[in-house]
PDB file of N, CA and C in Angstrom:
ATOM      1  N   UNK A   1       7.345  59.980 -75.327  1.00  0.00           N
ATOM      2  CA  UNK A   1       6.608  59.925 -74.082  1.00  0.00           C
ATOM      3  C   UNK A   1       5.944  61.282 -73.863  1.00  0.00           C
ATOM      4  N   UNK A   2       4.716  61.281 -73.442  1.00  0.00           N
ATOM      5  CA  UNK A   2       3.961  62.505 -73.185  1.00  0.00           C
ATOM      6  C   UNK A   2       3.814  62.701 -71.679  1.00  0.00           C
ATOM      7  N   UNK A   3       4.197  63.896 -71.207  1.00  0.00           N
ATOM      8  CA  UNK A   3       4.047  64.214 -69.779  1.00  0.00           C
ATOM      9  C   UNK A   3       2.606  64.643 -69.520  1.00  0.00           C
ATOM     10  N   UNK A   4       2.044  64.187 -68.434  1.00  0.00           N
ATOM     11  CA  UNK A   4       0.696  64.562 -68.062  1.00  0.00           C
ATOM     12  C   UNK A   4       0.678  65.055 -66.629  1.00  0.00           C
ATOM     13  N   UNK A   5      -0.107  66.096 -66.387  1.00  0.00           N
ATOM     14  CA  UNK A   5      -0.289  66.618 -65.038  1.00  0.00           C
ATOM     15  C   UNK A   5      -1.607  66.081 -64.518  1.00  0.00           C
ATOM     16  N   UNK A   6      -1.557  65.438 -63.374  1.00  0.00           N
ATOM     17  CA  UNK A   6      -2.759  64.879 -62.773  1.00  0.00           C
ATOM     18  C   UNK A   6      -3.298  65.847 -61.742  1.00  0.00           C
ATOM     19  N   UNK A   7      -4.567  66.193 -61.827  1.00  0.00           N
ATOM     20  CA  UNK A   7      -5.204  67.073 -60.857  1.00  0.00           C
ATOM     21  C   UNK A   7      -5.780  66.221 -59.749  1.00  0.00           C
ATOM     22  N   UNK A   8      -5.261  66.411 -58.546  1.00  0.00           N
ATOM     23  CA  UNK A   8      -5.763  65.679 -57.391  1.00  0.00           C
ATOM     24  C   UNK A   8      -6.964  66.427 -56.805  1.00  0.00           C
ATOM     25  N   UNK A   9      -8.008  65.723 -56.428  1.00  0.00           N
ATOM     26  CA  UNK A   9      -9.176  66.374 -55.821  1.00  0.00           C
ATOM     27  C   UNK A   9      -8.767  67.131 -54.564  1.00  0.00           C
ATOM     28  N   UNK A  10      -9.263  68.349 -54.393  1.00  0.00           N
ATOM     29  CA  UNK A  10      -8.971  69.134 -53.202  1.00  0.00           C
ATOM     30  C   UNK A  10      -7.692  69.941 -53.281  1.00  0.00           C
ATOM     31  N   UNK A  11      -6.915  69.786 -54.354  1.00  0.00           N
ATOM     32  CA  UNK A  11      -5.669  70.520 -54.498  1.00  0.00           C
ATOM     33  C   UNK A  11      -5.956  71.836 -55.210  1.00  0.00           C
ATOM     34  N   UNK A  12      -5.436  72.930 -54.652  1.00  0.00           N
ATOM     35  CA  UNK A  12      -5.671  74.247 -55.223  1.00  0.00           C
ATOM     36  C   UNK A  12      -5.019  74.390 -56.591  1.00  0.00           C
ATOM     37  N   UNK A  13      -5.659  75.138 -57.463  1.00  0.00           N
ATOM     38  CA  UNK A  13      -5.069  75.447 -58.764  1.00  0.00           C
ATOM     39  C   UNK A  13      -4.195  76.700 -58.681  1.00  0.00           C
ATOM     40  N   UNK A  14      -4.155  77.351 -57.510  1.00  0.00           N
ATOM     41  CA  UNK A  14      -3.355  78.555 -57.306  1.00  0.00           C
ATOM     42  C   UNK A  14      -2.039  78.186 -56.641  1.00  0.00           C
ATOM     43  N   UNK A  15      -0.888  78.602 -57.211  1.00  0.00           N
ATOM     44  CA  UNK A  15       0.409  78.221 -56.652  1.00  0.00           C
ATOM     45  C   UNK A  15       0.736  78.944 -55.345  1.00  0.00           C
ATOM     46  N   UNK A  16       1.581  78.301 -54.540  1.00  0.00           N
ATOM     47  CA  UNK A  16       2.070  78.892 -53.299  1.00  0.00           C
ATOM     48  C   UNK A  16       1.409  78.282 -52.081  1.00  0.00           C
ATOM     49  N   UNK A  17       2.163  77.503 -51.317  1.00  0.00           N
ATOM     50  CA  UNK A  17       1.611  76.847 -50.130  1.00  0.00           C
ATOM     51  C   UNK A  17       1.994  77.537 -48.832  1.00  0.00           C
ATOM     52  N   UNK A  18       2.818  78.579 -48.915  1.00  0.00           N
ATOM     53  CA  UNK A  18       3.151  79.343 -47.720  1.00  0.00           C
ATOM     54  C   UNK A  18       3.472  80.775 -48.123  1.00  0.00           C
ATOM     55  N   UNK A  19       3.408  81.681 -47.153  1.00  0.00           N
ATOM     56  CA  UNK A  19       3.769  83.080 -47.389  1.00  0.00           C
ATOM     57  C   UNK A  19       4.173  83.671 -46.045  1.00  0.00           C
ATOM     58  N   UNK A  20       4.762  84.844 -46.055  1.00  0.00           N
ATOM     59  CA  UNK A  20       5.094  85.545 -44.815  1.00  0.00           C
ATOM     60  C   UNK A  20       4.978  87.034 -45.055  1.00  0.00           C
ATOM     61  N   UNK A  21       4.813  87.794 -43.989  1.00  0.00           N
ATOM     62  CA  UNK A  21       4.679  89.239 -44.111  1.00  0.00           C
ATOM     63  C   UNK A  21       4.087  89.839 -42.858  1.00  0.00           C
ATOM     64  N   UNK A  22       3.571  91.042 -42.997  1.00  0.00           N
ATOM     65  CA  UNK A  22       2.950  91.750 -41.880  1.00  0.00           C
ATOM     66  C   UNK A  22       1.441  91.686 -42.058  1.00  0.00           C
ATOM     67  N   UNK A  23       0.755  91.366 -40.987  1.00  0.00           N
ATOM     68  CA  UNK A  23      -0.701  91.289 -41.032  1.00  0.00           C
ATOM     69  C   UNK A  23      -1.243  92.711 -41.162  1.00  0.00           C
ATOM     70  N   UNK A  24      -2.025  92.949 -42.184  1.00  0.00           N
ATOM     71  CA  UNK A  24      -2.540  94.284 -42.482  1.00  0.00           C
ATOM     72  C   UNK A  24      -3.798  94.612 -41.697  1.00  0.00           C
ATOM     73  N   UNK A  25      -4.692  93.650 -41.574  1.00  0.00           N
ATOM     74  CA  UNK A  25      -5.905  93.860 -40.793  1.00  0.00           C
ATOM     75  C   UNK A  25      -6.335  92.516 -40.219  1.00  0.00           C
ATOM     76  N   UNK A  26      -7.054  92.588 -39.104  1.00  0.00           N
ATOM     77  CA  UNK A  26      -7.451  91.361 -38.407  1.00  0.00           C
ATOM     78  C   UNK A  26      -8.899  91.454 -37.957  1.00  0.00           C
ATOM     79  N   UNK A  27      -9.439  90.301 -37.648  1.00  0.00           N
ATOM     80  CA  UNK A  27     -10.793  90.254 -37.109  1.00  0.00           C
ATOM     81  C   UNK A  27     -10.783  90.601 -35.618  1.00  0.00           C
ATOM     82  N   UNK A  28     -11.951  90.552 -35.018  1.00  0.00           N
ATOM     83  CA  UNK A  28     -12.094  90.846 -33.600  1.00  0.00           C
ATOM     84  C   UNK A  28     -11.257  89.898 -32.748  1.00  0.00           C
ATOM     85  N   UNK A  29     -10.673  90.404 -31.672  1.00  0.00           N
ATOM     86  CA  UNK A  29      -9.878  89.620 -30.707  1.00  0.00           C
ATOM     87  C   UNK A  29      -8.607  89.023 -31.301  1.00  0.00           C
ATOM     88  N   UNK A  30      -8.101  89.588 -32.373  1.00  0.00           N
ATOM     89  CA  UNK A  30      -6.844  89.127 -32.956  1.00  0.00           C
ATOM     90  C   UNK A  30      -5.876  90.294 -32.920  1.00  0.00           C
ATOM     91  N   UNK A  31      -4.645  90.045 -32.437  1.00  0.00           N
ATOM     92  CA  UNK A  31      -3.669  91.124 -32.371  1.00  0.00           C
ATOM     93  C   UNK A  31      -2.804  91.151 -33.621  1.00  0.00           C
ATOM     94  N   UNK A  32      -2.119  92.259 -33.845  1.00  0.00           N
ATOM     95  CA  UNK A  32      -1.318  92.469 -35.044  1.00  0.00           C
ATOM     96  C   UNK A  32       0.101  91.964 -34.810  1.00  0.00           C
ATOM     97  N   UNK A  33       0.624  91.176 -35.744  1.00  0.00           N
ATOM     98  CA  UNK A  33       1.977  90.639 -35.615  1.00  0.00           C
ATOM     99  C   UNK A  33       2.517  90.202 -36.956  1.00  0.00           C
ATOM    100  N   UNK A  34       3.839  90.083 -37.063  1.00  0.00           N
ATOM    101  CA  UNK A  34       4.434  89.526 -38.277  1.00  0.00           C
ATOM    102  C   UNK A  34       4.168  88.032 -38.255  1.00  0.00           C
ATOM    103  N   UNK A  35       3.962  87.460 -39.435  1.00  0.00           N
ATOM    104  CA  UNK A  35       3.552  86.061 -39.438  1.00  0.00           C
ATOM    105  C   UNK A  35       3.968  85.343 -40.700  1.00  0.00           C
ATOM    106  N   UNK A  36       4.028  84.019 -40.568  1.00  0.00           N
ATOM    107  CA  UNK A  36       4.114  83.170 -41.747  1.00  0.00           C
ATOM    108  C   UNK A  36       2.844  82.329 -41.740  1.00  0.00           C
ATOM    109  N   UNK A  37       2.427  81.906 -42.898  1.00  0.00           N
ATOM    110  CA  UNK A  37       1.135  81.238 -43.031  1.00  0.00           C
ATOM    111  C   UNK A  37       1.282  79.998 -43.890  1.00  0.00           C
ATOM    112  N   UNK A  38       0.620  78.935 -43.483  1.00  0.00           N
ATOM    113  CA  UNK A  38       0.532  77.720 -44.274  1.00  0.00           C
ATOM    114  C   UNK A  38      -0.812  77.761 -44.994  1.00  0.00           C
ATOM    115  N   UNK A  39      -0.781  77.663 -46.313  1.00  0.00           N
ATOM    116  CA  UNK A  39      -1.998  77.792 -47.126  1.00  0.00           C
ATOM    117  C   UNK A  39      -2.283  76.527 -47.920  1.00  0.00           C
ATOM    118  N   UNK A  40      -3.503  76.414 -48.384  1.00  0.00           N
ATOM    119  CA  UNK A  40      -3.831  75.323 -49.308  1.00  0.00           C
ATOM    120  C   UNK A  40      -3.580  75.748 -50.740  1.00  0.00           C
ATOM    121  N   UNK A  41      -3.146  76.981 -50.937  1.00  0.00           N
ATOM    122  CA  UNK A  41      -2.821  77.525 -52.259  1.00  0.00           C
ATOM    123  C   UNK A  41      -3.014  79.026 -52.265  1.00  0.00           C
ATOM    124  N   UNK A  42      -2.353  79.708 -53.184  1.00  0.00           N
ATOM    125  CA  UNK A  42      -2.523  81.141 -53.330  1.00  0.00           C
ATOM    126  C   UNK A  42      -1.470  81.981 -52.645  1.00  0.00           C
ATOM    127  N   UNK A  43      -0.403  81.360 -52.141  1.00  0.00           N
ATOM    128  CA  UNK A  43       0.642  82.086 -51.420  1.00  0.00           C
ATOM    129  C   UNK A  43       1.441  83.052 -52.269  1.00  0.00           C
ATOM    130  N   UNK A  44       1.349  82.951 -53.582  1.00  0.00           N
ATOM    131  CA  UNK A  44       2.067  83.878 -54.457  1.00  0.00           C
ATOM    132  C   UNK A  44       1.277  85.165 -54.684  1.00  0.00           C
ATOM    133  N   UNK A  45       0.089  85.252 -54.151  1.00  0.00           N
ATOM    134  CA  UNK A  45      -0.744  86.441 -54.320  1.00  0.00           C
ATOM    135  C   UNK A  45      -0.160  87.616 -53.547  1.00  0.00           C
ATOM    136  N   UNK A  46      -0.533  88.823 -53.953  1.00  0.00           N
ATOM    137  CA  UNK A  46      -0.067  90.026 -53.257  1.00  0.00           C
ATOM    138  C   UNK A  46      -0.618  90.087 -51.834  1.00  0.00           C
ATOM    139  N   UNK A  47      -1.866  89.661 -51.661  1.00  0.00           N
ATOM    140  CA  UNK A  47      -2.508  89.632 -50.344  1.00  0.00           C
ATOM    141  C   UNK A  47      -3.269  88.316 -50.210  1.00  0.00           C
ATOM    142  N   UNK A  48      -3.342  87.805 -48.980  1.00  0.00           N
ATOM    143  CA  UNK A  48      -4.103  86.587 -48.722  1.00  0.00           C
ATOM    144  C   UNK A  48      -4.985  86.789 -47.497  1.00  0.00           C
ATOM    145  N   UNK A  49      -6.074  86.072 -47.426  1.00  0.00           N
ATOM    146  CA  UNK A  49      -6.953  86.059 -46.261  1.00  0.00           C
ATOM    147  C   UNK A  49      -6.974  84.627 -45.743  1.00  0.00           C
ATOM    148  N   UNK A  50      -6.635  84.455 -44.466  1.00  0.00           N
ATOM    149  CA  UNK A  50      -6.543  83.107 -43.902  1.00  0.00           C
ATOM    150  C   UNK A  50      -7.140  83.059 -42.509  1.00  0.00           C
ATOM    151  N   UNK A  51      -7.591  81.878 -42.071  1.00  0.00           N
ATOM    152  CA  UNK A  51      -8.047  81.709 -40.694  1.00  0.00           C
ATOM    153  C   UNK A  51      -6.853  81.824 -39.735  1.00  0.00           C
ATOM    154  N   UNK A  52      -7.088  82.333 -38.549  1.00  0.00           N
ATOM    155  CA  UNK A  52      -6.029  82.500 -37.550  1.00  0.00           C
ATOM    156  C   UNK A  52      -5.336  81.177 -37.225  1.00  0.00           C
ATOM    157  N   UNK A  53      -6.021  80.060 -37.400  1.00  0.00           N
ATOM    158  CA  UNK A  53      -5.430  78.756 -37.086  1.00  0.00           C
ATOM    159  C   UNK A  53      -4.304  78.386 -38.047  1.00  0.00           C
ATOM    160  N   UNK A  54      -4.208  79.089 -39.194  1.00  0.00           N
ATOM    161  CA  UNK A  54      -3.149  78.801 -40.156  1.00  0.00           C
ATOM    162  C   UNK A  54      -1.972  79.771 -40.045  1.00  0.00           C
ATOM    163  N   UNK A  55      -2.024  80.695 -39.068  1.00  0.00           N
ATOM    164  CA  UNK A  55      -0.987  81.712 -38.912  1.00  0.00           C
ATOM    165  C   UNK A  55      -0.009  81.277 -37.823  1.00  0.00           C
ATOM    166  N   UNK A  56       1.281  81.371 -38.132  1.00  0.00           N
ATOM    167  CA  UNK A  56       2.342  80.994 -37.196  1.00  0.00           C
ATOM    168  C   UNK A  56       3.294  82.173 -37.010  1.00  0.00           C
ATOM    169  N   UNK A  57       3.927  82.308 -35.841  1.00  0.00           N
ATOM    170  CA  UNK A  57       4.916  83.381 -35.681  1.00  0.00           C
ATOM    171  C   UNK A  57       6.144  83.094 -36.550  1.00  0.00           C
ATOM    172  N   UNK A  58       6.765  84.168 -37.065  1.00  0.00           N
ATOM    173  CA  UNK A  58       8.004  84.008 -37.815  1.00  0.00           C
ATOM    174  C   UNK A  58       9.107  83.671 -36.809  1.00  0.00           C
ATOM    175  N   UNK A  59       9.897  82.624 -37.031  1.00  0.00           N
ATOM    176  CA  UNK A  59      10.972  82.275 -36.095  1.00  0.00           C
ATOM    177  C   UNK A  59      11.940  83.449 -35.914  1.00  0.00           C
ATOM    178  N   UNK A  60      12.464  83.628 -34.723  1.00  0.00           N
ATOM    179  CA  UNK A  60      13.342  84.762 -34.411  1.00  0.00           C
ATOM    180  C   UNK A  60      14.602  84.783 -35.247  1.00  0.00           C
ATOM    181  N   UNK A  61      15.050  83.628 -35.759  1.00  0.00           N
ATOM    182  CA  UNK A  61      16.272  83.577 -36.573  1.00  0.00           C
ATOM    183  C   UNK A  61      16.034  83.931 -38.029  1.00  0.00           C
ATOM    184  N   UNK A  62      14.803  84.216 -38.394  1.00  0.00           N
ATOM    185  CA  UNK A  62      14.483  84.545 -39.790  1.00  0.00           C
ATOM    186  C   UNK A  62      14.340  86.047 -39.946  1.00  0.00           C
TER     187      UNK A  62
END
């Protein structure tokens, strides 16, 4: 049996669907805070750029 990986349209080729850390820089009218982010891919990168709508506060128990 041969295993095959199916590429779904719209799915990122970059691994990592979430990340967390400290926001290094922000756009206008955005304040600085620790955050976790939901991504469409690329969460394993050293740095990511995301829209503010994808940024969530890190839960206090984490």
